[in-house]
């Protein structure tokens, strides 16, 4: 791993205490050019993690608070008539930033949720007949409250599939929580956090990730995992080819963080829960959690 990335993880770990594994997953997601969904209870640091990543990676950052009355134009932008020029001028919305925090994305309606689809997939937006490119790099971190909470609109499968990874932060352990309670306010520490990278350096690392070697045996392994998901009777549908491509991209990024130029089976297993957990839906809603059952079966597969 380039020496510049280790301070990024170390700095982030000083703000988000006791969650280095989740920080590494989030960074791997960005290195793989993916988008990240963080699902957890309010107050465990979801928003702070997004802000920490934007700051340490030197990215232009915008936060969009998703509410029930949010409109697509509030995200994408709108054209306003300029009397001086005699024509309409486009005023870009907050989507035109390098890192977008879609905060509480499941508290808005499906119409507003869908405004992100083209941006996340094509890295461009089409508004009023005009297509406009988004900045490079472009990364969406969305936070989501548990679906059983009041006032939530579940994300459709097509929207979930746009996220390369879904992670949970969970409660901190006792030592980390004690340090959090006894220490300074996290927002004050975040304001003092220096940028560890430039956007150009980050793009360079993303390009290096794409060149990491994946052996034919590992491709066989990934195909076996995809086939297992499709043959299982536990799930409504198996993993798509896009899920397989995402798994390989995430595994390459994890290998990059481990300072290797080739991918190992352990890299695939390290990112597997975050990549497939939100892409599988159990047939029986009363049965064991779909992702947990799938992972249990996956881990029993022979490693090449």
Protein backbone atom coordinates (compact mmCIF):
# COMPACT_ATOMS: atom_id res chain seq x y z
CA UNK A 1 0.00 0.00 0.00
CA UNK A 2 1.35 3.48 -0.78
CA UNK A 3 2.68 5.15 2.33
CA UNK A 4 0.22 8.04 1.88
CA UNK A 5 -2.77 5.79 2.62
CA UNK A 6 -1.62 4.55 6.03
CA UNK A 7 -1.88 8.05 7.61
CA UNK A 8 -5.38 8.36 6.12
CA UNK A 9 -6.51 5.22 7.96
CA UNK A 10 -4.70 6.29 11.13
CA UNK A 11 -6.25 9.77 11.10
CA UNK A 12 -9.74 8.41 10.47
CA UNK A 13 -9.29 5.91 13.31
CA UNK A 14 -8.57 8.79 15.69
CA UNK A 15 -12.04 10.19 14.99
CA UNK A 16 -14.06 6.98 14.50
CA UNK A 17 -12.77 4.97 17.45
CA UNK A 18 -12.48 1.19 17.39
CA UNK A 19 -13.72 0.82 13.80
CA UNK A 20 -10.56 0.36 11.73
CA UNK A 21 -12.01 -2.58 9.79
CA UNK A 22 -15.04 -0.54 8.69
CA UNK A 23 -12.76 2.38 7.77
CA UNK A 24 -10.64 0.06 5.62
CA UNK A 25 -13.76 -1.28 3.92
CA UNK A 26 -14.97 2.25 3.19
CA UNK A 27 -11.58 3.22 1.77
CA UNK A 28 -11.48 0.05 -0.33
CA UNK A 29 -14.92 0.93 -1.67
CA UNK A 30 -13.66 4.33 -2.79
CA UNK A 31 -10.48 2.90 -4.31
CA UNK A 32 -12.68 0.49 -6.30
CA UNK A 33 -14.72 3.45 -7.66
CA UNK A 34 -17.79 2.25 -5.79
CA UNK A 35 -20.46 3.85 -3.64
CA UNK A 36 -21.03 3.05 0.03
CA UNK A 37 -24.22 2.48 2.03
CA UNK A 38 -23.93 2.69 5.83
CA UNK A 39 -26.94 1.22 7.61
CA UNK A 40 -27.18 1.54 11.37
CA UNK A 41 -28.92 3.20 14.29
CA UNK A 42 -28.73 6.99 14.68
CA UNK A 43 -25.78 8.26 16.70
CA UNK A 44 -23.10 5.64 15.97
CA UNK A 45 -20.97 7.80 13.65
CA UNK A 46 -22.32 7.23 10.13
CA UNK A 47 -22.27 10.91 9.14
CA UNK A 48 -18.95 11.50 10.88
CA UNK A 49 -17.29 8.70 8.92
CA UNK A 50 -18.36 10.28 5.62
CA UNK A 51 -17.04 13.68 6.71
CA UNK A 52 -13.77 12.14 7.90
CA UNK A 53 -13.19 10.43 4.56
CA UNK A 54 -13.90 13.62 2.62
CA UNK A 55 -11.50 15.61 4.79
CA UNK A 56 -8.61 13.13 4.89
CA UNK A 57 -8.85 12.46 1.15
CA UNK A 58 -9.00 16.15 0.25
CA UNK A 59 -12.36 15.87 -1.54
CA UNK A 60 -14.98 18.54 -2.20
CA UNK A 61 -17.83 17.56 0.10
CA UNK A 62 -21.58 18.16 0.06
CA UNK A 63 -24.20 16.85 2.46
CA UNK A 64 -27.78 16.31 1.29
CA UNK A 65 -30.29 15.78 4.07
CA UNK A 66 -32.98 13.50 2.66
CA UNK A 67 -36.47 14.31 3.91
CA UNK A 68 -39.98 13.39 2.80
CA UNK A 69 -40.44 16.69 0.94
CA UNK A 70 -37.10 16.63 -0.94
CA UNK A 71 -37.46 17.02 -4.72
CA UNK A 72 -35.12 15.74 -7.48
CA UNK A 73 -34.34 19.36 -8.43
CA UNK A 74 -33.06 19.92 -4.89
CA UNK A 75 -30.39 17.32 -5.67
CA UNK A 76 -29.61 17.87 -9.35
CA UNK A 77 -30.13 21.61 -9.73
CA UNK A 78 -32.53 23.84 -11.63
CA UNK A 79 -32.55 26.36 -14.50
CA UNK A 80 -33.61 29.90 -13.62
CA UNK A 81 -34.45 32.62 -16.13
CA UNK A 82 -31.83 35.38 -16.23
CA UNK A 83 -33.43 38.63 -17.37
CA UNK A 84 -30.06 40.18 -18.09
CA UNK A 85 -29.03 37.50 -20.60
CA UNK A 86 -32.55 36.71 -21.73
CA UNK A 87 -32.15 32.96 -21.26
CA UNK A 88 -32.18 30.24 -18.65
CA UNK A 89 -29.08 29.64 -16.52
CA UNK A 90 -28.49 26.27 -14.89
CA UNK A 91 -27.72 26.39 -11.18
CA UNK A 92 -25.99 23.12 -10.18
CA UNK A 93 -27.35 21.23 -7.20
CA UNK A 94 -25.27 19.67 -4.42
CA UNK A 95 -24.74 16.51 -6.52
CA UNK A 96 -21.90 18.35 -8.30
CA UNK A 97 -19.26 17.53 -5.69
CA UNK A 98 -16.60 14.85 -5.38
CA UNK A 99 -18.07 13.22 -2.28
CA UNK A 100 -21.80 13.32 -1.58
CA UNK A 101 -23.28 12.36 1.76
CA UNK A 102 -26.87 11.26 1.12
CA UNK A 103 -27.91 11.43 4.75
CA UNK A 104 -30.86 9.24 5.78
CA UNK A 105 -31.54 8.30 2.17
CA UNK A 106 -34.48 6.10 3.09
CA UNK A 107 -36.42 9.00 4.64
CA UNK A 108 -37.27 10.45 1.21
CA UNK A 109 -39.67 9.21 -1.45
CA UNK A 110 -38.65 6.78 -4.22
CA UNK A 111 -38.91 9.62 -6.77
CA UNK A 112 -36.17 11.59 -5.04
CA UNK A 113 -34.13 8.46 -4.33
CA UNK A 114 -34.11 7.68 -8.05
CA UNK A 115 -32.52 11.06 -8.81
CA UNK A 116 -29.23 9.49 -7.74
CA UNK A 117 -29.42 6.48 -10.08
CA UNK A 118 -27.88 8.03 -13.20
CA UNK A 119 -25.28 9.91 -11.17
CA UNK A 120 -24.11 6.75 -9.38
CA UNK A 121 -24.03 4.57 -12.49
CA UNK A 122 -22.93 6.95 -15.26
CA UNK A 123 -21.25 9.70 -13.22
CA UNK A 124 -23.36 12.26 -15.03
CA UNK A 125 -26.79 13.81 -14.62
CA UNK A 126 -29.44 14.69 -17.19
CA UNK A 127 -31.60 17.66 -16.32
CA UNK A 128 -34.00 19.50 -18.61
CA UNK A 129 -32.63 17.71 -21.67
CA UNK A 130 -28.95 18.44 -20.99
CA UNK A 131 -26.36 15.93 -19.79
CA UNK A 132 -23.68 17.23 -17.46
CA UNK A 133 -20.59 15.39 -16.25
CA UNK A 134 -19.89 15.05 -12.55
CA UNK A 135 -16.50 15.73 -10.94
CA UNK A 136 -13.72 13.14 -10.83
CA UNK A 137 -13.52 11.31 -8.51
CA UNK A 138 -17.20 10.99 -7.64
CA UNK A 139 -18.34 9.03 -4.63
CA UNK A 140 -21.69 8.68 -2.86
CA UNK A 141 -21.89 7.68 0.79
CA UNK A 142 -25.49 7.13 1.86
CA UNK A 143 -26.64 6.58 5.41
CA UNK A 144 -29.77 4.61 6.16
CA UNK A 145 -31.73 4.00 9.32
CA UNK A 146 -33.10 0.51 10.02
CA UNK A 147 -36.26 -0.09 7.99
CA UNK A 148 -38.38 -0.72 11.10
CA UNK A 149 -37.94 2.91 12.20
CA UNK A 150 -40.81 5.35 11.61
CA UNK A 151 -40.90 7.36 8.38
CA UNK A 152 -38.65 5.26 6.14
CA UNK A 153 -39.05 4.26 2.48
CA UNK A 154 -37.12 1.05 1.70
CA UNK A 155 -34.63 1.38 -1.14
CA UNK A 156 -35.64 -0.67 -4.21
CA UNK A 157 -33.30 -3.43 -5.40
CA UNK A 158 -32.19 -1.37 -8.41
CA UNK A 159 -31.02 1.40 -6.08
CA UNK A 160 -29.34 -0.97 -3.63
CA UNK A 161 -27.42 -2.59 -6.47
CA UNK A 162 -25.74 0.75 -7.26
CA UNK A 163 -23.92 0.56 -3.93
CA UNK A 164 -20.77 -1.53 -4.14
CA UNK A 165 -20.77 -2.11 -0.37
CA UNK A 166 -23.07 -1.90 2.61
CA UNK A 167 -21.53 -1.78 6.08
CA UNK A 168 -22.64 -1.34 9.67
CA UNK A 169 -20.67 0.49 12.36
CA UNK A 170 -22.33 -0.88 15.48
CA UNK A 171 -21.70 0.23 19.03
CA UNK A 172 -18.07 0.84 20.07
CA UNK A 173 -16.39 -1.57 22.45
CA UNK A 174 -15.95 -0.53 26.08
CA UNK A 175 -12.42 0.85 25.68
CA UNK A 176 -13.29 2.90 22.59
CA UNK A 177 -16.48 4.22 24.19
CA UNK A 178 -14.60 5.28 27.32
CA UNK A 179 -12.05 7.14 25.20
CA UNK A 180 -14.92 8.77 23.30
CA UNK A 181 -16.64 9.89 26.51
CA UNK A 182 -13.44 11.20 28.10
CA UNK A 183 -12.01 12.84 24.99
CA UNK A 184 -12.67 15.99 22.99
CA UNK A 185 -15.70 16.57 20.84
CA UNK A 186 -15.34 14.65 17.56
CA UNK A 187 -16.44 17.67 15.51
CA UNK A 188 -13.69 19.80 17.02
CA UNK A 189 -11.11 17.12 16.20
CA UNK A 190 -12.49 16.79 12.69
CA UNK A 191 -12.04 20.52 12.10
CA UNK A 192 -8.31 20.12 12.84
CA UNK A 193 -7.86 17.09 10.58
CA UNK A 194 -5.44 17.73 7.69
CA UNK A 195 -5.94 16.40 4.17
CA UNK A 196 -3.72 13.38 3.58
CA UNK A 197 -4.22 13.17 -0.19
CA UNK A 198 -5.17 15.24 -3.21
CA UNK A 199 -7.97 14.20 -5.58
CA UNK A 200 -5.37 13.62 -8.31
CA UNK A 201 -3.45 11.21 -6.08
CA UNK A 202 -6.64 9.35 -5.25
CA UNK A 203 -7.50 8.95 -8.95
CA UNK A 204 -3.98 7.62 -9.53
CA UNK A 205 -4.48 4.99 -6.81
CA UNK A 206 -7.83 4.02 -8.31
CA UNK A 207 -6.10 3.41 -11.63
CA UNK A 208 -3.43 1.29 -9.94
CA UNK A 209 -6.10 -0.83 -8.26
CA UNK A 210 -7.51 -1.75 -11.67
CA UNK A 211 -4.17 -3.27 -12.73
CA UNK A 212 -3.86 -5.79 -9.88
CA UNK A 213 -3.59 -9.36 -11.12
CA UNK A 214 -6.42 -11.86 -10.63
CA UNK A 215 -5.54 -15.47 -11.47
CA UNK A 216 -7.84 -17.75 -13.54
CA UNK A 217 -8.29 -19.93 -10.43
CA UNK A 218 -9.69 -16.95 -8.53
CA UNK A 219 -12.05 -16.16 -11.41
CA UNK A 220 -13.26 -19.76 -11.13
CA UNK A 221 -13.81 -19.19 -7.41
CA UNK A 222 -15.89 -16.07 -8.02
CA UNK A 223 -17.97 -17.87 -10.63
CA UNK A 224 -18.61 -20.72 -8.19
CA UNK A 225 -19.84 -18.21 -5.62
CA UNK A 226 -22.19 -16.59 -8.14
CA UNK A 227 -23.50 -19.99 -9.23
CA UNK A 228 -24.08 -21.03 -5.62
CA UNK A 229 -26.25 -17.96 -5.03
CA UNK A 230 -28.34 -18.72 -8.13
CA UNK A 231 -28.82 -22.40 -7.35
CA UNK A 232 -29.84 -21.85 -3.73
CA UNK A 233 -33.54 -22.05 -2.90
CA UNK A 234 -33.10 -19.60 0.00
CA UNK A 235 -33.19 -16.49 -2.16
CA UNK A 236 -35.58 -14.74 -4.52
CA UNK A 237 -32.77 -14.26 -7.05
CA UNK A 238 -29.05 -14.96 -7.18
CA UNK A 239 -26.17 -12.55 -7.60
CA UNK A 240 -25.94 -10.73 -10.93
CA UNK A 241 -22.85 -10.43 -13.17
CA UNK A 242 -22.55 -6.85 -11.92
CA UNK A 243 -22.26 -8.21 -8.38
CA UNK A 244 -19.42 -10.48 -9.54
CA UNK A 245 -17.61 -7.57 -11.16
CA UNK A 246 -18.08 -5.51 -8.02
CA UNK A 247 -16.69 -8.32 -5.88
CA UNK A 248 -13.55 -8.44 -8.01
CA UNK A 249 -13.11 -4.66 -7.89
CA UNK A 250 -13.50 -4.63 -4.12
CA UNK A 251 -11.08 -7.55 -3.71
CA UNK A 252 -8.49 -5.75 -5.83
CA UNK A 253 -8.85 -2.66 -3.66
CA UNK A 254 -8.45 -4.73 -0.48
CA UNK A 255 -5.30 -6.36 -1.88
CA UNK A 256 -4.01 -2.86 -2.70
CA UNK A 257 -4.52 -1.83 0.92
CA UNK A 258 -2.60 -4.96 1.94
CA UNK A 259 0.34 -3.80 -0.23
CA UNK A 260 0.08 -6.60 -2.77
CA UNK A 261 0.03 -6.57 -6.56
CA UNK A 262 -2.16 -9.67 -6.85
CA UNK A 263 -5.44 -10.79 -5.32
CA UNK A 264 -5.73 -13.72 -2.90
CA UNK A 265 -8.84 -15.68 -1.87
CA UNK A 266 -8.57 -13.99 1.52
CA UNK A 267 -9.16 -10.63 -0.18
CA UNK A 268 -12.41 -11.88 -1.67
CA UNK A 269 -13.56 -13.23 1.68
CA UNK A 270 -12.63 -9.97 3.44
CA UNK A 271 -14.97 -7.88 1.27
CA UNK A 272 -17.63 -10.54 0.58
CA UNK A 273 -20.06 -9.66 3.44
CA UNK A 274 -20.09 -5.96 2.51
CA UNK A 275 -20.53 -6.64 -1.23
CA UNK A 276 -23.27 -9.29 -1.25
CA UNK A 277 -25.23 -8.70 1.96
CA UNK A 278 -27.59 -6.09 0.45
CA UNK A 279 -27.97 -7.90 -2.88
CA UNK A 280 -29.68 -11.03 -1.58
CA UNK A 281 -33.28 -11.29 -0.39
CA UNK A 282 -34.50 -14.35 1.45
CA UNK A 283 -37.62 -16.12 0.14
CA UNK A 284 -38.88 -16.63 3.68
CA UNK A 285 -38.82 -13.38 5.61
CA UNK A 286 -39.06 -15.33 8.87
CA UNK A 287 -36.00 -17.43 8.01
CA UNK A 288 -32.43 -16.75 8.92
CA UNK A 289 -31.03 -13.47 7.64
CA UNK A 290 -30.29 -13.88 3.95
CA UNK A 291 -26.78 -12.51 3.88
CA UNK A 292 -25.73 -14.48 6.96
CA UNK A 293 -26.99 -17.74 5.47
CA UNK A 294 -25.32 -16.98 2.19
CA UNK A 295 -22.00 -16.14 3.82
CA UNK A 296 -22.10 -19.34 5.85
CA UNK A 297 -22.50 -21.34 2.65
CA UNK A 298 -19.83 -19.31 0.88
CA UNK A 299 -17.26 -19.84 3.59
CA UNK A 300 -17.68 -23.58 3.20
CA UNK A 301 -16.70 -23.41 -0.46
CA UNK A 302 -13.19 -24.77 -1.18
CA UNK A 303 -10.61 -22.06 -1.73
CA UNK A 304 -8.49 -22.47 -4.87
